[in-house]
Protein backbone atom coordinates (compact mmCIF):
# COMPACT_ATOMS: atom_id res chain seq x y z
CA UNK A 1 -6.85 16.90 -16.52
CA UNK A 2 -10.32 17.86 -15.51
CA UNK A 3 -10.98 21.33 -14.10
CA UNK A 4 -11.36 21.77 -10.46
CA UNK A 5 -14.91 21.41 -9.35
CA UNK A 6 -16.88 21.18 -6.11
CA UNK A 7 -19.54 18.59 -6.86
CA UNK A 8 -19.56 16.25 -9.92
CA UNK A 9 -22.56 16.12 -12.07
CA UNK A 10 -23.90 12.87 -13.68
CA UNK A 11 -24.39 14.85 -16.86
CA UNK A 12 -20.58 15.23 -17.17
CA UNK A 13 -19.60 11.82 -15.95
CA UNK A 14 -21.50 8.82 -17.35
CA UNK A 15 -21.45 5.65 -15.32
CA UNK A 16 -18.77 3.35 -16.47
CA UNK A 17 -20.03 -0.25 -17.13
CA UNK A 18 -16.67 -1.93 -17.61
CA UNK A 19 -13.25 -0.83 -16.57
CA UNK A 20 -10.02 -2.84 -16.59
CA UNK A 21 -8.36 -0.63 -13.95
CA UNK A 22 -10.30 0.33 -10.88
CA UNK A 23 -10.29 3.97 -9.71
CA UNK A 24 -8.34 4.96 -6.64
CA UNK A 25 -9.54 7.83 -4.49
CA UNK A 26 -8.90 9.90 -1.35
CA UNK A 27 -12.09 11.27 0.25
CA UNK A 28 -12.08 13.97 2.88
CA UNK A 29 -14.63 12.57 5.38
CA UNK A 30 -14.63 15.28 8.07
CA UNK A 31 -17.34 15.43 10.72
CA UNK A 32 -19.05 11.93 11.16
CA UNK A 33 -22.46 13.72 10.93
CA UNK A 34 -21.72 14.27 7.22
CA UNK A 35 -22.84 10.63 6.77
CA UNK A 36 -26.50 11.30 7.80
CA UNK A 37 -27.20 15.01 7.25
CA UNK A 38 -27.86 17.06 4.16
CA UNK A 39 -24.48 18.61 3.22
CA UNK A 40 -22.47 19.28 0.09
CA UNK A 41 -19.98 16.61 0.89
CA UNK A 42 -22.51 13.81 1.15
CA UNK A 43 -24.17 15.21 -2.03
CA UNK A 44 -20.86 14.84 -3.89
CA UNK A 45 -20.34 11.27 -2.55
CA UNK A 46 -23.87 10.27 -3.74
CA UNK A 47 -23.31 11.69 -7.16
CA UNK A 48 -19.80 10.10 -7.37
CA UNK A 49 -21.25 6.71 -6.39
CA UNK A 50 -23.62 6.76 -9.49
CA UNK A 51 -20.61 7.21 -11.77
CA UNK A 52 -18.31 4.50 -10.35
CA UNK A 53 -17.88 0.98 -11.76
CA UNK A 54 -18.73 -1.85 -9.47
CA UNK A 55 -15.55 -3.49 -8.16
CA UNK A 56 -14.98 -7.03 -7.00
CA UNK A 57 -13.79 -5.60 -3.68
CA UNK A 58 -13.00 -2.36 -1.96
CA UNK A 59 -9.80 -1.77 0.00
CA UNK A 60 -10.14 1.01 2.55
CA UNK A 61 -7.37 2.92 4.21
CA UNK A 62 -8.86 5.02 7.02
CA UNK A 63 -7.30 7.57 9.30
CA UNK A 64 -9.04 5.81 12.14
CA UNK A 65 -7.18 2.49 12.27
CA UNK A 66 -3.66 2.87 13.55
CA UNK A 67 -1.62 -0.07 14.70
CA UNK A 68 1.97 -1.16 15.56
CA UNK A 69 2.82 -3.10 12.49
CA UNK A 70 0.60 -3.05 9.39
CA UNK A 71 -2.58 -5.16 9.65
CA UNK A 72 -5.27 -6.18 7.23
CA UNK A 73 -8.76 -7.14 8.36
CA UNK A 74 -9.79 -10.71 7.13
CA UNK A 75 -13.20 -10.72 8.84
CA UNK A 76 -15.85 -12.36 6.68
CA UNK A 77 -18.49 -10.02 8.18
CA UNK A 78 -16.77 -6.87 9.45
CA UNK A 79 -18.78 -5.09 12.08
CA UNK A 80 -19.67 -1.38 11.79
CA UNK A 81 -17.50 0.41 14.33
CA UNK A 82 -18.80 3.55 15.98
CA UNK A 83 -15.43 4.97 17.06
CA UNK A 84 -16.61 8.43 18.31
CA UNK A 85 -18.53 9.96 21.12
CA UNK A 86 -20.88 12.77 21.82
CA UNK A 87 -22.95 12.43 18.78
CA UNK A 88 -26.73 11.83 18.32
CA UNK A 89 -28.11 8.27 18.65
CA UNK A 90 -29.03 8.25 15.02
CA UNK A 91 -25.33 8.21 14.11
CA UNK A 92 -24.72 5.31 16.42
CA UNK A 93 -27.60 3.43 14.81
CA UNK A 94 -25.86 3.47 11.36
CA UNK A 95 -24.91 0.07 10.10
CA UNK A 96 -22.96 -0.81 6.97
CA UNK A 97 -23.38 -4.63 6.51
CA UNK A 98 -21.02 -5.20 3.61
CA UNK A 99 -19.31 -8.53 3.57
CA UNK A 100 -15.59 -8.74 4.13
CA UNK A 101 -13.06 -10.20 1.65
CA UNK A 102 -10.56 -12.74 3.12
CA UNK A 103 -9.68 -13.66 -0.47
CA UNK A 104 -8.50 -10.23 -1.46
CA UNK A 105 -7.02 -9.59 1.92
CA UNK A 106 -4.83 -12.62 1.35
CA UNK A 107 -3.95 -11.38 -2.19
CA UNK A 108 -2.76 -8.12 -0.50
CA UNK A 109 -0.66 -9.99 2.00
CA UNK A 110 0.94 -12.01 -0.81
CA UNK A 111 2.31 -8.78 -2.44
CA UNK A 112 4.74 -8.47 0.47
CA UNK A 113 7.37 -10.58 2.11
CA UNK A 114 5.99 -13.04 4.64
CA UNK A 115 5.13 -11.32 7.89
CA UNK A 116 5.05 -7.80 6.51
CA UNK A 117 1.23 -7.53 6.77
CA UNK A 118 -0.55 -9.23 9.72
CA UNK A 119 -4.01 -10.59 9.03
CA UNK A 120 -6.54 -9.90 11.86
CA UNK A 121 -10.16 -10.40 12.64
CA UNK A 122 -10.08 -7.81 15.39
CA UNK A 123 -11.45 -4.87 13.40
CA UNK A 124 -14.23 -3.98 11.06
CA UNK A 125 -15.30 -0.86 9.29
CA UNK A 126 -14.59 2.26 11.30
CA UNK A 127 -16.31 5.58 10.54
CA UNK A 128 -13.66 6.70 8.18
CA UNK A 129 -14.79 3.90 6.03
CA UNK A 130 -18.45 3.36 6.39
CA UNK A 131 -19.45 7.09 6.64
CA UNK A 132 -18.27 7.47 3.01
CA UNK A 133 -19.11 3.93 1.67
CA UNK A 134 -22.77 4.21 2.59
CA UNK A 135 -23.12 7.01 0.09
CA UNK A 136 -20.82 5.58 -2.60
CA UNK A 137 -22.22 2.06 -2.39
CA UNK A 138 -25.47 2.35 -0.48
CA UNK A 139 -26.43 -1.31 -1.22
CA UNK A 140 -23.47 -2.54 0.81
CA UNK A 141 -23.11 -5.38 -1.68
CA UNK A 142 -19.41 -4.99 -2.42
CA UNK A 143 -16.95 -6.86 -0.19
CA UNK A 144 -14.77 -4.43 1.86
CA UNK A 145 -11.61 -5.00 3.78
CA UNK A 146 -9.37 -2.43 5.62
CA UNK A 147 -5.63 -1.93 5.89
CA UNK A 148 -4.23 -0.21 8.92
CA UNK A 149 -1.70 2.60 9.26
CA UNK A 150 1.41 1.53 11.04
CA UNK A 151 2.51 4.15 13.57
CA UNK A 152 6.08 2.97 13.36
CA UNK A 153 6.45 4.14 9.68
CA UNK A 154 7.40 7.60 8.54
CA UNK A 155 5.90 9.28 5.45
CA UNK A 156 8.41 7.75 3.00
CA UNK A 157 7.90 4.29 4.42
CA UNK A 158 4.10 4.57 4.16
CA UNK A 159 4.46 5.70 0.48
CA UNK A 160 6.91 2.83 -0.31
CA UNK A 161 4.48 0.29 1.24
CA UNK A 162 1.49 1.76 -0.52
CA UNK A 163 3.22 1.64 -3.89
CA UNK A 164 3.22 -2.16 -3.68
CA UNK A 165 -0.53 -2.18 -3.75
CA UNK A 166 -0.85 -0.72 -7.28
CA UNK A 167 -1.48 -4.09 -8.98
CA UNK A 168 -4.71 -4.53 -6.99
CA UNK A 169 -6.35 -1.93 -9.21
CA UNK A 170 -6.00 -4.23 -12.19
CA UNK A 171 -7.46 -7.21 -10.27
CA UNK A 172 -10.88 -5.67 -9.57
CA UNK A 173 -10.03 -3.87 -6.34
CA UNK A 174 -11.15 -0.21 -5.84
CA UNK A 175 -8.88 1.55 -3.29
CA UNK A 176 -10.63 4.27 -1.17
CA UNK A 177 -8.62 6.16 1.31
CA UNK A 178 -10.30 8.38 3.83
CA UNK A 179 -8.98 11.22 6.04
CA UNK A 180 -8.46 15.00 5.76
CA UNK A 181 -5.50 16.90 4.19
CA UNK A 182 -5.96 19.60 6.74
CA UNK A 183 -7.23 18.31 10.10
CA UNK A 184 -6.81 20.54 13.22
CA UNK A 185 -9.70 19.90 15.70
CA UNK A 186 -8.41 22.48 18.34
CA UNK A 187 -8.86 25.16 15.72
CA UNK A 188 -12.39 24.27 14.63
CA UNK A 189 -14.65 27.24 14.16
CA UNK A 190 -11.76 29.77 14.18
CA UNK A 191 -12.30 30.96 10.64
CA UNK A 192 -13.09 34.45 11.90
CA UNK A 193 -9.60 34.62 13.41
CA UNK A 194 -7.15 33.38 10.81
CA UNK A 195 -7.01 30.19 8.81
CA UNK A 196 -4.65 31.36 6.05
CA UNK A 197 -2.33 28.56 7.14
CA UNK A 198 -5.05 26.04 6.35
CA UNK A 199 -5.65 27.36 2.84
CA UNK A 200 -1.96 27.64 2.16
CA UNK A 201 -1.29 24.02 3.06
CA UNK A 202 -4.33 22.75 1.04
CA UNK A 203 -3.06 24.76 -1.96
CA UNK A 204 0.43 23.28 -1.49
CA UNK A 205 -1.01 19.77 -1.71
CA UNK A 206 -3.25 20.62 -4.54
CA UNK A 207 -0.28 21.86 -6.51
CA UNK A 208 1.77 18.67 -5.59
CA UNK A 209 -1.08 16.48 -6.74
CA UNK A 210 -1.49 18.41 -9.98
CA UNK A 211 2.25 18.08 -10.71
CA UNK A 212 2.65 14.49 -9.57
CA UNK A 213 5.28 15.70 -7.15
CA UNK A 214 5.59 12.74 -4.76
CA UNK A 215 8.54 14.27 -2.87
CA UNK A 216 6.39 17.32 -1.99
CA UNK A 217 3.66 15.09 -0.68
CA UNK A 218 6.08 13.09 1.44
CA UNK A 219 8.12 16.02 2.65
CA UNK A 220 5.29 18.33 3.79
CA UNK A 221 7.80 20.36 5.82
CA UNK A 222 8.66 21.99 2.53
CA UNK A 223 5.27 23.89 2.83
CA UNK A 224 6.70 25.78 5.80
CA UNK A 225 5.01 26.57 9.13
CA UNK A 226 1.58 25.97 7.80
CA UNK A 227 2.28 22.24 7.69
CA UNK A 228 2.63 22.01 11.44
CA UNK A 229 -0.83 23.52 11.95
CA UNK A 230 -2.48 21.58 9.11
CA UNK A 231 -1.00 18.21 10.12
CA UNK A 232 -0.58 18.34 13.90
CA UNK A 233 -0.74 14.53 13.91
CA UNK A 234 -0.25 12.37 10.78
CA UNK A 235 -3.13 9.98 10.76
CA UNK A 236 -5.62 11.99 8.66
CA UNK A 237 -3.01 12.97 6.11
CA UNK A 238 -1.39 9.57 5.64
CA UNK A 239 -4.30 7.95 3.69
CA UNK A 240 -3.68 10.53 0.84
CA UNK A 241 -0.11 9.03 0.39
CA UNK A 242 -1.64 5.60 -0.21
CA UNK A 243 -3.62 6.91 -3.13
CA UNK A 244 -0.83 9.09 -4.63
CA UNK A 245 1.42 6.00 -4.53
CA UNK A 246 -0.74 3.85 -6.67
CA UNK A 247 -1.53 6.23 -9.42
CA UNK A 248 -0.55 5.39 -12.95
CA UNK A 249 1.11 7.84 -15.36
CA UNK A 250 -1.95 7.65 -17.65
CA UNK A 251 -4.49 8.05 -15.00
CA UNK A 252 -6.91 11.06 -15.22
CA UNK A 253 -6.80 13.05 -11.94
CA UNK A 254 -9.76 15.01 -10.78
CA UNK A 255 -10.74 16.72 -7.53
CA UNK A 256 -14.03 15.97 -5.83
CA UNK A 257 -14.67 18.64 -3.31
CA UNK A 258 -12.34 21.57 -2.61
CA UNK A 259 -13.90 23.43 0.36
CA UNK A 260 -13.33 23.73 4.02
CA UNK A 261 -15.57 22.71 6.93
CA UNK A 262 -15.50 24.41 10.32
CA UNK A 263 -12.60 26.50 9.22
CA UNK A 264 -9.79 23.88 9.74
CA UNK A 265 -10.98 20.70 7.98
CA UNK A 266 -10.08 20.50 4.32
CA UNK A 267 -12.73 18.35 2.50
CA UNK A 268 -10.70 18.16 -0.70
CA UNK A 269 -10.91 14.73 -2.38
CA UNK A 270 -8.96 13.38 -5.36
CA UNK A 271 -9.73 10.58 -7.80
CA UNK A 272 -7.42 8.78 -10.20
CA UNK A 273 -9.06 6.77 -12.98
């Protein structure tokens, strides 16, 4: 296992030219402004992008697409969705014109019983996807398709569904999930008061990832009271389960960033390759 680090260096990780199994990763995306400003998170994404192999397609699981029933976007040209408000016009001007991948979206559907995953054209790439992708793959030349988070499923159900996606990694699909392990917007900028709960929960998840403890990831109530503050709603945490569920026993696990933003947003990322 690689040691914990904050920003990867291209001196330590040479770009992989060929790879039979695509990496799977969870990225803490945080503030949408991270996509267009100078900050350590975007710096880390840019460096990471230079080390990644080029996949045939990218499957994104973002905190910002929740549906009743699981859906997959089959749009040939998914639009860039600006699903936020109150930010500068420069952020709304951002476009990520990557093509979609109906072919791989169908391949995903075929992994499940008929009707389990509903194909739809009524989505695109929300900011949980494009704000990270434009740093990882700035040329927007890799097809991208998104999978939604079904609000009717509990953590164990999400993990079970995600585990059936594992074969996609051997078929040229890179899986990128985007959210935040700790995400409590009402407590932003309260670091001067007390955010011990945030660090405690982040450390609980870090330990679970290092130990490959799926039950600890699914049953976050085992972390105690800090879990209620760290995950007041589940959408930003759930994408992490999708990555943990598709790891292989012989994967190398490494952390991307391990810091906090605004006191109550964990920017920790984890990569399996």
